Protein backbone atom coordinates (compact mmCIF):
# COMPACT_ATOMS: atom_id res chain seq x y z
CA UNK A 1 32.32 95.86 135.15
CA UNK A 2 33.09 96.34 139.20
CA UNK A 3 36.16 93.54 140.22
CA UNK A 4 37.78 95.81 136.70
CA UNK A 5 37.09 99.43 137.94
CA UNK A 6 38.08 97.90 141.63
CA UNK A 7 42.08 97.00 140.24
CA UNK A 8 44.79 99.05 142.14
CA UNK A 9 48.63 98.61 141.08
CA UNK A 10 51.69 99.62 142.58
CA UNK A 11 54.18 100.46 139.97
CA UNK A 12 58.34 101.45 140.14
CA UNK A 13 58.88 105.06 138.26
CA UNK A 14 62.61 106.11 137.65
CA UNK A 15 63.84 103.03 138.29
CA UNK A 16 67.29 102.06 135.93
CA UNK A 17 70.23 100.85 137.77
CA UNK A 18 71.01 99.98 141.38
CA UNK A 19 67.86 102.47 141.82
CA UNK A 20 64.58 100.97 142.91
CA UNK A 21 62.97 104.47 141.10
CA UNK A 22 59.30 105.90 143.19
CA UNK A 23 56.36 104.04 143.86
CA UNK A 24 53.23 104.81 143.31
CA UNK A 25 49.13 103.42 143.37
CA UNK A 26 47.41 103.48 140.37
CA UNK A 27 43.21 103.14 140.43
CA UNK A 28 42.04 102.91 136.29
CA UNK A 29 38.63 103.43 136.55
CA UNK A 30 35.12 103.19 134.61
CA UNK A 31 33.74 106.46 137.15
CA UNK A 32 34.90 107.91 139.72
CA UNK A 33 35.41 107.70 143.70
CA UNK A 34 34.62 110.54 145.71
CA UNK A 35 37.14 113.32 146.56
CA UNK A 36 36.83 111.20 150.02
CA UNK A 37 36.97 108.29 148.86
CA UNK A 38 39.42 108.23 146.83
CA UNK A 39 41.78 110.36 149.86
CA UNK A 40 40.95 107.10 152.03
CA UNK A 41 42.94 104.62 149.25
CA UNK A 42 46.14 107.42 149.30
CA UNK A 43 45.96 107.54 153.11
CA UNK A 44 45.55 103.00 153.32
CA UNK A 45 48.83 102.98 149.98
CA UNK A 46 50.95 104.54 152.62
CA UNK A 47 52.71 106.35 148.84
CA UNK A 48 53.59 109.21 148.22
CA UNK A 49 51.02 108.95 145.94
CA UNK A 50 47.76 107.69 144.55
CA UNK A 51 46.24 108.19 140.68
CA UNK A 52 43.22 108.07 139.35
CA UNK A 53 42.47 108.11 135.82
CA UNK A 54 39.25 107.61 133.93
CA UNK A 55 37.43 108.42 130.77
CA UNK A 56 36.82 111.43 129.41
CA UNK A 57 36.60 113.04 125.81
CA UNK A 58 40.01 112.42 124.30
CA UNK A 59 41.80 110.69 126.51
CA UNK A 60 41.49 110.47 130.14
CA UNK A 61 41.45 112.90 133.39
CA UNK A 62 44.32 111.76 135.89
CA UNK A 63 44.09 112.85 139.33
CA UNK A 64 46.73 112.19 141.97
CA UNK A 65 46.58 112.54 145.72
CA UNK A 66 49.16 112.10 148.62
CA UNK A 67 48.65 110.63 152.02
CA UNK A 68 47.35 114.02 152.81
CA UNK A 69 46.55 115.52 149.52
CA UNK A 70 44.97 116.07 145.75
CA UNK A 71 48.43 117.85 144.17
CA UNK A 72 48.55 119.57 140.70
CA UNK A 73 50.97 117.76 139.43
CA UNK A 74 53.05 114.41 139.87
CA UNK A 75 55.51 113.09 138.09
CA UNK A 76 56.12 109.65 138.99
CA UNK A 77 52.39 108.66 139.94
CA UNK A 78 51.43 110.01 135.50
CA UNK A 79 54.81 107.58 134.16
CA UNK A 80 53.30 104.82 136.76
CA UNK A 81 49.52 105.60 135.39
CA UNK A 82 50.88 105.76 131.85
CA UNK A 83 52.49 101.84 132.47
CA UNK A 84 49.93 100.76 133.48
CA UNK A 85 47.71 101.81 130.28
CA UNK A 86 49.94 100.45 128.57
CA UNK A 87 51.17 96.84 130.01
CA UNK A 88 47.05 96.39 130.51
CA UNK A 89 44.63 98.06 128.94
CA UNK A 90 45.81 98.83 125.41
CA UNK A 91 49.34 96.85 124.77
CA UNK A 92 49.46 98.69 121.31
CA UNK A 93 49.13 101.99 121.64
CA UNK A 94 52.57 104.87 121.72
CA UNK A 95 51.55 106.89 123.25
CA UNK A 96 48.16 108.10 125.95
CA UNK A 97 47.00 111.77 126.84
CA UNK A 98 46.19 112.67 130.69
CA UNK A 99 43.34 116.31 130.92
CA UNK A 100 44.59 117.79 134.36
CA UNK A 101 42.58 119.86 136.85
CA UNK A 102 45.03 121.85 136.72
CA UNK A 103 48.39 120.86 134.63
CA UNK A 104 47.40 120.58 131.00
CA UNK A 105 47.05 117.86 129.02
CA UNK A 106 48.94 115.83 129.76
CA UNK A 107 50.94 113.58 127.21
CA UNK A 108 53.08 110.58 127.58
CA UNK A 109 54.78 108.39 124.42
CA UNK A 110 56.02 104.29 124.83
CA UNK A 111 60.02 105.00 123.16
CA UNK A 112 61.27 101.08 123.88
CA UNK A 113 61.33 100.43 127.14
CA UNK A 114 61.16 104.47 127.66
CA UNK A 115 58.04 106.43 129.04
CA UNK A 116 58.18 110.07 127.86
CA UNK A 117 56.70 112.45 129.76
CA UNK A 118 55.31 116.07 128.95
CA UNK A 119 55.24 118.79 131.04
CA UNK A 120 55.00 121.89 131.22
CA UNK A 121 57.94 124.27 132.27
CA UNK A 122 57.95 125.61 135.33
CA UNK A 123 61.73 128.09 135.48
CA UNK A 124 62.55 129.54 138.87
CA UNK A 125 62.80 133.15 139.51
CA UNK A 126 64.94 134.60 142.22
CA UNK A 127 63.39 134.49 145.88
CA UNK A 128 64.46 133.67 149.70
CA UNK A 129 62.63 132.35 151.94
CA UNK A 130 63.94 132.86 156.06
CA UNK A 131 65.07 130.18 157.00
CA UNK A 132 65.81 127.67 154.62
CA UNK A 133 69.54 127.82 155.24
CA UNK A 134 67.90 126.29 158.90
CA UNK A 135 65.70 124.66 157.76
CA UNK A 136 68.76 121.76 155.43
CA UNK A 137 71.02 122.54 157.97
CA UNK A 138 73.27 123.97 155.29
CA UNK A 139 73.82 127.24 153.29
CA UNK A 140 72.96 126.39 149.61
CA UNK A 141 75.16 128.76 146.91
CA UNK A 142 71.76 129.48 144.80
CA UNK A 143 68.54 129.72 145.32
CA UNK A 144 65.26 129.57 143.06
CA UNK A 145 61.53 130.55 144.39
CA UNK A 146 58.42 129.63 142.68
CA UNK A 147 56.88 131.40 145.61
CA UNK A 148 54.23 129.79 147.31
CA UNK A 149 54.86 126.75 145.40
CA UNK A 150 58.37 125.21 144.73
CA UNK A 151 61.79 126.40 146.16
CA UNK A 152 65.47 125.31 144.79
CA UNK A 153 68.27 125.27 146.75
CA UNK A 154 71.40 125.13 144.67
CA UNK A 155 74.98 123.59 146.65
CA UNK A 156 78.62 123.60 144.88
CA UNK A 157 78.95 119.76 145.03
CA UNK A 158 76.63 116.53 145.09
CA UNK A 159 78.40 115.32 148.61
CA UNK A 160 77.24 119.34 149.99
CA UNK A 161 73.40 117.83 148.42
CA UNK A 162 73.72 113.57 149.95
CA UNK A 163 74.62 114.91 153.16
CA UNK A 164 71.89 117.24 153.62
CA UNK A 165 69.85 116.76 157.02
CA UNK A 166 67.07 118.98 156.87
CA UNK A 167 64.76 119.78 159.67
CA UNK A 168 60.99 118.46 159.36
CA UNK A 169 59.27 121.07 161.87
CA UNK A 170 61.11 123.77 160.49
CA UNK A 171 60.67 122.96 156.57
CA UNK A 172 56.87 122.32 156.76
CA UNK A 173 56.94 126.30 159.13
CA UNK A 174 58.53 127.23 155.12
CA UNK A 175 55.48 128.04 152.92
CA UNK A 176 56.63 126.31 150.20
CA UNK A 177 55.10 122.99 149.02
CA UNK A 178 58.11 121.67 147.55
CA UNK A 179 61.75 121.46 148.01
CA UNK A 180 64.44 121.36 146.37
CA UNK A 181 68.05 120.30 146.17
CA UNK A 182 70.43 119.78 143.96
CA UNK A 183 74.34 119.65 142.07
CA UNK A 184 75.95 119.13 139.66
CA UNK A 185 76.12 114.93 139.49
CA UNK A 186 79.61 113.02 139.47
CA UNK A 187 77.19 110.71 137.70
CA UNK A 188 75.09 112.31 135.06
CA UNK A 189 74.62 115.92 134.48
CA UNK A 190 72.53 116.88 137.37
CA UNK A 191 71.61 115.16 140.78
CA UNK A 192 69.06 116.42 143.40
CA UNK A 193 67.23 115.99 147.15
CA UNK A 194 63.32 117.34 147.19
CA UNK A 195 61.36 116.89 150.40
CA UNK A 196 57.25 117.82 150.89
CA UNK A 197 56.65 117.64 153.98
CA UNK A 198 53.75 119.91 153.85
CA UNK A 199 52.16 117.07 151.44
CA UNK A 200 53.21 114.82 153.78
CA UNK A 201 56.25 113.27 152.30
CA UNK A 202 59.63 114.09 154.34
CA UNK A 203 61.13 112.98 151.27
CA UNK A 204 60.31 111.55 148.32
CA UNK A 205 61.73 109.65 146.35
CA UNK A 206 61.88 110.30 143.07
CA UNK A 207 60.33 113.32 141.85
CA UNK A 208 59.13 113.96 138.54
CA UNK A 209 57.17 117.09 138.74
CA UNK A 210 60.14 118.56 140.57
CA UNK A 211 62.60 118.87 136.92
CA UNK A 212 60.55 121.00 135.37
CA UNK A 213 61.89 123.52 136.97
CA UNK A 214 65.25 121.85 137.59
CA UNK A 215 65.98 120.98 133.16
CA UNK A 216 65.35 124.66 132.74
CA UNK A 217 68.17 125.36 135.43
CA UNK A 218 70.49 123.45 134.25
CA UNK A 219 70.05 123.34 131.11
CA UNK A 220 71.01 127.09 130.99
CA UNK A 221 74.21 126.46 133.20
CA UNK A 222 75.20 123.51 131.13
CA UNK A 223 74.38 124.33 127.59
CA UNK A 224 73.06 121.27 127.02
CA UNK A 225 69.41 121.11 125.54
CA UNK A 226 69.66 116.63 127.07
CA UNK A 227 69.78 115.84 130.29
CA UNK A 228 70.78 112.68 132.35
CA UNK A 229 69.41 113.35 136.14
CA UNK A 230 69.86 110.88 139.20
CA UNK A 231 67.99 112.35 142.00
CA UNK A 232 69.55 110.81 145.61
CA UNK A 233 67.39 109.50 147.34
CA UNK A 234 67.42 106.07 149.93
CA UNK A 235 66.00 104.98 146.59
CA UNK A 236 66.89 106.58 144.25
CA UNK A 237 65.55 106.94 140.83
CA UNK A 238 67.34 107.80 137.09
CA UNK A 239 65.69 109.81 134.32
CA UNK A 240 65.88 111.90 130.81
CA UNK A 241 65.25 114.99 130.44
CA UNK A 242 64.82 117.75 127.87
CA UNK A 243 64.49 121.30 127.56
CA UNK A 244 61.53 121.72 124.63
CA UNK A 245 61.38 125.78 126.06
CA UNK A 246 57.53 125.96 127.57
CA UNK A 247 57.98 122.18 127.65
CA UNK A 248 59.90 119.84 129.88
CA UNK A 249 60.02 115.85 127.87
CA UNK A 250 61.34 114.15 131.18
CA UNK A 251 61.09 110.21 130.98
CA UNK A 252 61.81 107.21 132.29
CA UNK A 253 61.95 103.19 133.23
CA UNK A 254 59.22 101.63 134.49
CA UNK A 255 58.40 98.51 136.95
CA UNK A 256 54.61 96.87 137.98
CA UNK A 257 55.63 95.27 141.11
CA UNK A 258 52.08 93.95 142.81
CA UNK A 259 48.68 93.71 142.05
CA UNK A 260 45.44 93.76 143.29
CA UNK A 261 41.69 94.80 144.05
CA UNK A 262 40.52 97.81 146.68
CA UNK A 263 37.56 96.44 148.61
CA UNK A 264 35.66 99.80 148.84
CA UNK A 265 32.49 98.07 151.15
CA UNK A 266 33.69 99.19 154.41
CA UNK A 267 33.85 101.99 156.08
CA UNK A 268 37.66 102.37 155.24
CA UNK A 269 38.70 101.39 151.56
CA UNK A 270 41.72 99.07 151.75
CA UNK A 271 43.39 97.03 149.65
CA UNK A 272 45.28 93.98 148.52
CA UNK A 273 47.81 93.40 146.32
CA UNK A 274 49.52 90.52 144.86
CA UNK A 275 53.24 90.02 143.58
CA UNK A 276 52.96 91.04 139.57
């Protein structure tokens, strides 16, 4: 039914005590909207990610859009999509499989109030893009990179990462889509901040996909497979991570904040939301 297909939800992912998490919009569909309409919905929602999922053979196809572009992988919007699925579509389910266009099959399992993402690990190697220190306003102790995708700047202290005031214009000039700043944590195993101005997000509140790179690094450095992480944005978030070799488990809590409907009749889609 049309009414059912045009539902939209806003979900905070990776919430914790005193940590607001990262909001994502989630649109469960019975069929697919045109790509330009989904991009327009993401611009209208003005959140770091808007997720759309619809049934396929043995699960759901999941896609993610920032206000500026479609992305290949997003952790917090996957967690948020699973929260909507478990709450409204199949409350008795213990797991949901999401197929994706470029990241393979992503499974989310429910364990009490935690939802656990099973993502491919994406470890970074040595590499340093020109201009990174100037863009961050500080010189990291180490730099690792997945060229064109992710740059990870490692600092010696949490205070150094919290004190960063990056120049977003300079960060945008770097070729890597996501810039991670990380350090050992004071109340967690490690902490981070993530910047993605090339994707239309100056600082992401909590970035699940960044932990596919962070977890292999910190697991090796700390000599432990199970790690608690904090992302130190203004909203903040908490993640429970496990290094499983070529896969990474990333778990967190989600809270559905509002629900509503999409008005797709006009030239520009609009969303009307009420508190959930």
